[in-house]
Amino acid sequence: MTLYPVSLALLLAVTGPALAADRGEAGLARLLAGRTAGHAEPCLPQVRLRGSRIIDGTAIVYEAVDRTLWVNRPSAGLRALDAGKILAVRIPGSRLCRNTVVRLVDRYARVEIGQAVLGDFIPYRPSNPAAVAAPKEPRP
């Protein structure tokens, strides 16, 4: 088994507990309010990323430095998505891509509790950049 160096994506994927609103489709809809979807992309350069959050049982949302939110609905492992868990990923390069396996780790015990397989990345850009505030950081 080849181990790749832990990338910047791992550091960015470690987030605090999600806000209570980050649950299911309703939480995702609130997060994406005032944004317009773009075309799906198979990969996302990690140099653009500033953070991520898990929407329970629904998606992983990556925030880019330009305030674009990239939504990834995993092709497998949706049931494992839990906002109270930590995302851990090792990637061989500088891009996070479709079919990458991300591990979900228990925040306190630091043991793997599930996996998800990433799907396509869909960008959501502010419809009116002046009206959309940057997403708030989850509270610890």
Protein backbone atom coordinates (compact mmCIF):
# COMPACT_ATOMS: atom_id res chain seq x y z
CA MET A 1 0.00 0.00 0.00
CA THR A 2 1.40 3.37 -1.00
CA LEU A 3 1.02 6.19 1.48
CA TYR A 4 1.04 9.71 0.14
CA PRO A 5 2.11 12.69 2.19
CA VAL A 6 -0.74 14.30 4.02
CA SER A 7 -1.76 17.18 1.84
CA LEU A 8 -3.08 20.63 2.52
CA ALA A 9 -6.56 19.23 1.84
CA LEU A 10 -6.35 17.22 5.05
CA LEU A 11 -5.57 20.30 7.07
CA LEU A 12 -8.37 22.26 5.45
CA ALA A 13 -10.83 19.43 5.90
CA VAL A 14 -10.49 19.38 9.66
CA THR A 15 -13.29 21.60 10.90
CA GLY A 16 -15.01 22.28 14.16
CA PRO A 17 -18.47 20.97 14.96
CA ALA A 18 -21.01 22.19 12.49
CA LEU A 19 -23.77 24.56 13.35
CA ALA A 20 -27.14 22.98 14.08
CA ALA A 21 -28.41 24.35 10.75
CA ASP A 22 -25.97 22.17 8.78
CA ARG A 23 -28.30 19.20 8.56
CA GLY A 24 -29.61 17.55 5.42
CA GLU A 25 -31.02 19.18 2.32
CA ALA A 26 -32.52 22.08 4.28
CA GLY A 27 -29.12 22.95 5.77
CA LEU A 28 -27.49 22.78 2.36
CA ALA A 29 -30.20 25.00 0.87
CA ARG A 30 -29.63 27.62 3.60
CA LEU A 31 -25.90 27.56 2.99
CA LEU A 32 -26.36 28.02 -0.77
CA ALA A 33 -29.01 30.75 -0.57
CA GLY A 34 -28.14 33.66 -2.87
CA ARG A 35 -25.78 31.56 -4.99
CA THR A 36 -25.97 30.21 -8.51
CA ALA A 37 -24.78 26.74 -9.53
CA GLY A 38 -22.12 26.36 -12.20
CA HIS A 39 -21.04 23.37 -14.27
CA ALA A 40 -19.83 20.25 -12.48
CA GLU A 41 -16.08 19.67 -12.43
CA PRO A 42 -14.33 16.32 -11.90
CA CYS A 43 -11.47 17.86 -9.86
CA LEU A 44 -10.83 20.80 -7.59
CA PRO A 45 -7.34 22.30 -7.13
CA GLN A 46 -6.67 22.30 -3.40
CA VAL A 47 -4.72 25.56 -3.53
CA ARG A 48 -8.07 27.29 -3.93
CA LEU A 49 -9.48 25.80 -0.73
CA ARG A 50 -9.86 27.60 2.56
CA GLY A 51 -12.04 25.15 4.53
CA SER A 52 -14.76 22.57 4.42
CA ARG A 53 -17.84 21.41 6.26
CA ILE A 54 -19.99 18.31 6.26
CA ILE A 55 -23.73 18.58 5.76
CA ASP A 56 -25.14 15.54 7.57
CA GLY A 57 -26.00 12.70 5.21
CA THR A 58 -26.01 15.04 2.22
CA ALA A 59 -22.78 16.64 1.03
CA ILE A 60 -19.32 17.99 1.71
CA VAL A 61 -18.97 21.71 1.02
CA TYR A 62 -15.53 23.15 0.29
CA GLU A 63 -15.03 26.90 0.54
CA ALA A 64 -12.61 28.52 -1.89
CA VAL A 65 -10.66 31.70 -1.29
CA ASP A 66 -12.84 33.51 -3.87
CA ARG A 67 -15.97 32.69 -1.76
CA THR A 68 -17.15 30.02 -4.20
CA LEU A 69 -18.70 27.06 -2.42
CA TRP A 70 -17.93 23.73 -4.09
CA VAL A 71 -20.56 21.11 -3.27
CA ASN A 72 -19.64 17.46 -3.47
CA ARG A 73 -22.33 14.82 -3.13
CA PRO A 74 -20.39 11.59 -2.59
CA SER A 75 -21.24 8.71 -4.90
CA ALA A 76 -20.94 6.30 -1.96
CA GLY A 77 -20.91 6.68 1.81
CA LEU A 78 -23.58 9.35 2.29
CA ARG A 79 -24.80 7.67 5.47
CA ALA A 80 -21.34 8.14 7.01
CA LEU A 81 -21.43 11.92 6.55
CA ASP A 82 -21.80 13.44 10.00
CA ALA A 83 -21.00 17.05 10.82
CA GLY A 84 -19.46 15.95 14.12
CA LYS A 85 -16.73 13.98 12.35
CA ILE A 86 -13.41 15.01 10.84
CA LEU A 87 -12.62 14.53 7.15
CA ALA A 88 -9.25 12.98 6.40
CA VAL A 89 -7.94 12.60 2.87
CA ARG A 90 -4.63 11.73 1.27
CA ILE A 91 -4.22 12.68 -2.33
CA PRO A 92 -1.31 12.07 -4.70
CA GLY A 93 -0.96 15.57 -6.08
CA SER A 94 -2.53 18.96 -5.84
CA ARG A 95 -6.13 18.20 -6.83
CA LEU A 96 -9.07 16.65 -5.04
CA CYS A 97 -10.94 14.55 -7.63
CA ARG A 98 -14.00 12.43 -8.25
CA ASN A 99 -13.59 8.87 -6.88
CA THR A 100 -11.18 10.00 -4.14
CA VAL A 101 -11.93 8.15 -0.92
CA VAL A 102 -12.23 10.37 2.15
CA ARG A 103 -12.16 8.90 5.62
CA LEU A 104 -14.43 10.10 8.39
CA VAL A 105 -12.72 10.09 11.76
CA ASP A 106 -14.26 10.36 15.22
CA ARG A 107 -13.31 13.75 16.60
CA TYR A 108 -12.43 12.47 20.07
CA ALA A 109 -11.30 8.85 19.69
CA ARG A 110 -9.43 9.63 16.45
CA VAL A 111 -10.52 6.33 14.89
CA GLU A 112 -11.99 5.89 11.42
CA ILE A 113 -15.74 5.43 11.53
CA GLY A 114 -16.58 5.46 7.82
CA GLN A 115 -15.63 6.42 4.31
CA ALA A 116 -17.17 8.29 1.41
CA VAL A 117 -16.26 8.33 -2.29
CA LEU A 118 -16.29 11.82 -3.78
CA GLY A 119 -18.47 12.68 -6.74
CA ASP A 120 -18.28 15.72 -9.03
CA PHE A 121 -17.69 19.19 -7.60
CA ILE A 122 -20.39 21.77 -8.34
CA PRO A 123 -19.44 25.44 -7.86
CA TYR A 124 -21.95 27.82 -6.28
CA ARG A 125 -20.96 31.44 -6.78
CA PRO A 126 -22.68 34.45 -5.26
CA SER A 127 -25.49 35.69 -7.53
CA ASN A 128 -24.81 39.18 -6.18
CA PRO A 129 -21.28 39.14 -4.69
CA ALA A 130 -21.93 42.25 -2.58
CA ALA A 131 -25.01 40.70 -0.95
CA VAL A 132 -23.57 37.32 0.04
CA ALA A 133 -21.45 37.24 3.15
CA ALA A 134 -18.69 34.68 3.47
CA PRO A 135 -19.89 31.54 5.29
CA LYS A 136 -19.35 31.70 9.01
CA GLU A 137 -16.82 29.41 10.60
CA PRO A 138 -18.34 26.61 12.68
CA ARG A 139 -18.14 27.20 16.41
CA PRO A 140 -15.95 24.83 18.45
